[in-house]
Protein backbone atom coordinates (compact mmCIF):
# COMPACT_ATOMS: atom_id res chain seq x y z
CA MET A 1 -36.03 52.98 -110.61
CA SER A 2 -36.64 51.46 -114.14
CA ASP A 3 -35.25 49.21 -116.98
CA GLU A 4 -31.65 48.44 -115.77
CA LEU A 5 -29.25 47.33 -118.25
CA PHE A 6 -26.04 45.37 -117.70
CA ASN A 7 -23.19 46.66 -119.97
CA ASN A 8 -21.58 43.36 -121.08
CA GLY A 9 -19.68 41.90 -123.83
CA GLY A 10 -21.86 38.40 -124.28
CA CYS A 11 -22.18 36.85 -120.99
CA ASP A 12 -24.27 37.91 -117.74
CA PRO A 13 -22.45 39.63 -114.71
CA SER A 14 -23.87 36.97 -112.49
CA ASP A 15 -21.94 34.59 -114.00
CA CYS A 16 -18.63 36.17 -113.29
CA ALA A 17 -18.67 34.64 -109.87
CA SER A 18 -18.69 31.21 -111.23
CA CYS A 19 -16.83 31.95 -114.50
CA GLN A 20 -13.17 30.42 -114.50
CA ALA A 21 -12.36 31.59 -118.02
CA GLY A 22 -12.05 35.35 -116.91
CA CYS A 23 -13.54 38.42 -118.84
CA SER A 24 -11.42 37.94 -121.74
CA SER A 25 -13.34 34.75 -122.68
CA CYS A 26 -16.28 36.67 -123.76
CA GLY A 27 -14.78 39.41 -125.40
CA SER A 28 -15.32 41.92 -122.92
CA ASP A 29 -13.19 44.41 -120.93
CA PHE A 30 -13.63 43.80 -117.09
CA GLU A 31 -14.36 47.39 -116.45
CA GLU A 32 -17.02 47.85 -118.75
CA HIS A 33 -18.34 44.26 -118.27
CA ARG A 34 -18.96 44.99 -114.51
CA THR A 35 -21.48 48.16 -114.80
CA ILE A 36 -25.27 48.72 -114.65
CA THR A 37 -26.84 51.93 -115.39
CA LEU A 38 -29.75 52.74 -113.24
CA THR A 39 -32.63 55.01 -114.26
CA MET A 40 -33.97 56.75 -111.09
CA ASP A 41 -37.47 57.76 -110.57
CA ASP A 42 -36.60 61.27 -111.59
CA ASP A 43 -35.07 59.92 -114.98
CA THR A 44 -31.68 60.69 -114.11
CA GLU A 45 -29.16 58.05 -114.62
CA ILE A 46 -26.29 56.77 -112.48
CA GLU A 47 -23.58 54.13 -113.88
CA CYS A 48 -22.75 51.92 -111.25
CA ALA A 49 -19.92 49.26 -110.74
CA VAL A 50 -21.52 45.74 -109.86
CA LEU A 51 -19.47 44.75 -106.86
CA THR A 52 -21.46 41.25 -106.31
CA ILE A 53 -24.75 39.51 -106.91
CA TYR A 54 -25.18 37.27 -103.64
CA PRO A 55 -27.78 34.99 -101.91
CA VAL A 56 -29.55 35.61 -98.45
CA ASN A 57 -32.41 33.57 -97.49
CA GLN A 58 -33.50 31.89 -100.84
CA LYS A 59 -33.39 35.47 -102.39
CA GLU A 60 -30.43 37.26 -104.50
CA TYR A 61 -29.10 40.79 -104.02
CA ILE A 62 -27.01 42.93 -105.84
CA ALA A 63 -24.46 45.31 -104.19
CA LEU A 64 -23.82 48.34 -106.45
CA LEU A 65 -21.43 51.27 -106.23
CA PRO A 66 -22.29 54.51 -108.00
CA LEU A 67 -19.53 55.97 -110.17
CA ASP A 68 -19.07 59.79 -111.33
CA GLU A 69 -18.32 60.60 -115.00
CA ASN A 70 -14.69 59.61 -114.74
CA GLY A 71 -15.71 56.10 -113.31
CA GLN A 72 -14.59 56.67 -109.90
CA SER A 73 -16.63 56.75 -106.65
CA GLU A 74 -15.96 59.48 -104.23
CA SER A 75 -18.23 58.65 -101.23
CA GLY A 76 -17.79 54.80 -101.38
CA GLU A 77 -21.63 54.30 -100.85
CA VAL A 78 -23.03 51.16 -101.94
CA TYR A 79 -26.46 50.59 -103.22
CA LEU A 80 -28.27 47.20 -102.39
CA TYR A 81 -31.28 45.63 -104.54
CA THR A 82 -33.08 42.41 -104.60
CA PHE A 83 -31.74 40.61 -107.97
CA SER A 84 -33.83 38.40 -110.02
CA ARG A 85 -34.43 37.91 -113.60
CA THR A 86 -37.54 38.22 -116.13
CA GLU A 87 -39.00 35.15 -117.80
CA ASN A 88 -36.58 36.17 -120.83
CA GLY A 89 -33.56 36.13 -118.75
CA ASP A 90 -33.16 39.82 -118.06
CA PRO A 91 -31.72 41.25 -114.83
CA MET A 92 -34.31 42.88 -112.87
CA LEU A 93 -33.66 44.89 -109.59
CA ALA A 94 -36.13 46.04 -106.97
CA ASN A 95 -35.88 48.22 -103.67
CA ILE A 96 -35.41 46.19 -100.68
CA GLU A 97 -38.72 47.51 -98.88
CA ASP A 98 -38.56 45.47 -95.76
CA ASP A 99 -35.92 46.85 -92.71
CA ALA A 100 -35.23 43.41 -91.53
CA GLU A 101 -34.64 42.04 -94.95
CA TYR A 102 -32.48 44.98 -95.79
CA GLN A 103 -30.32 44.62 -92.55
CA ALA A 104 -29.85 40.98 -93.72
CA ALA A 105 -28.62 41.85 -97.01
CA ALA A 106 -26.50 44.59 -95.86
CA ASP A 107 -25.06 42.22 -92.82
CA ALA A 108 -24.30 39.44 -95.53
CA PHE A 109 -22.49 42.13 -97.92
CA ASP A 110 -20.51 42.98 -94.91
CA ALA A 111 -19.63 39.45 -94.33
CA ILE A 112 -18.32 39.28 -97.94
CA LEU A 113 -16.47 42.36 -97.83
CA GLU A 114 -14.72 41.16 -94.24
CA ASN A 115 -13.98 37.99 -95.92
CA ALA A 116 -12.74 39.52 -99.04
CA LYS A 117 -10.38 41.70 -96.47
CA THR A 118 -9.17 38.39 -94.86
CA VAL A 119 -8.18 36.99 -97.87
CA ALA A 120 -6.15 39.88 -99.09
CA GLU A 121 -4.42 39.85 -95.78
CA GLY A 122 -3.54 35.94 -96.65
CA ALA A 123 -5.68 33.82 -94.53
CA PRO A 124 -5.65 30.55 -96.30
CA GLU A 125 -8.90 29.10 -94.90
CA GLU A 126 -10.84 32.36 -95.67
CA GLU A 127 -9.19 32.04 -99.33
CA GLU A 128 -10.79 28.49 -99.59
CA TRP A 129 -14.08 29.82 -98.05
CA LEU A 130 -14.14 32.74 -100.64
CA GLN A 131 -13.33 30.46 -103.72
CA ASN A 132 -15.81 27.96 -102.78
CA TRP A 133 -18.46 30.83 -102.70
CA LEU A 134 -17.45 32.41 -105.78
CA GLN A 135 -17.85 29.04 -107.54
CA LYS A 136 -21.53 28.67 -106.62
């Protein structure tokens, strides 16, 4: 994988979790704003939706949903990578090499999904937790 680029309209996708203004404030469309193009080792490119960027044990991870040419996901498969920034502030992704680290990142992502599901079902205490987490 090399040179991943966020497609956005002027703000950073990792800012979305804490942004209170919505994507219209930066002049971008949410759907276009939350994608990333991965260039794989064989030079193929995969457009992915950015599901979330989240912390685990002092590191950040990114969850990506690969999209087909119509912007849809057939398989529902999710890619997990470590997420960091270069000195210039550009996003940088790396494969998670350690099995235990991958399991911790996957477990945290599963918890995020479960909490989002609970919020969607209307549990107020979980909604408060998610709102607090999103504002970090």
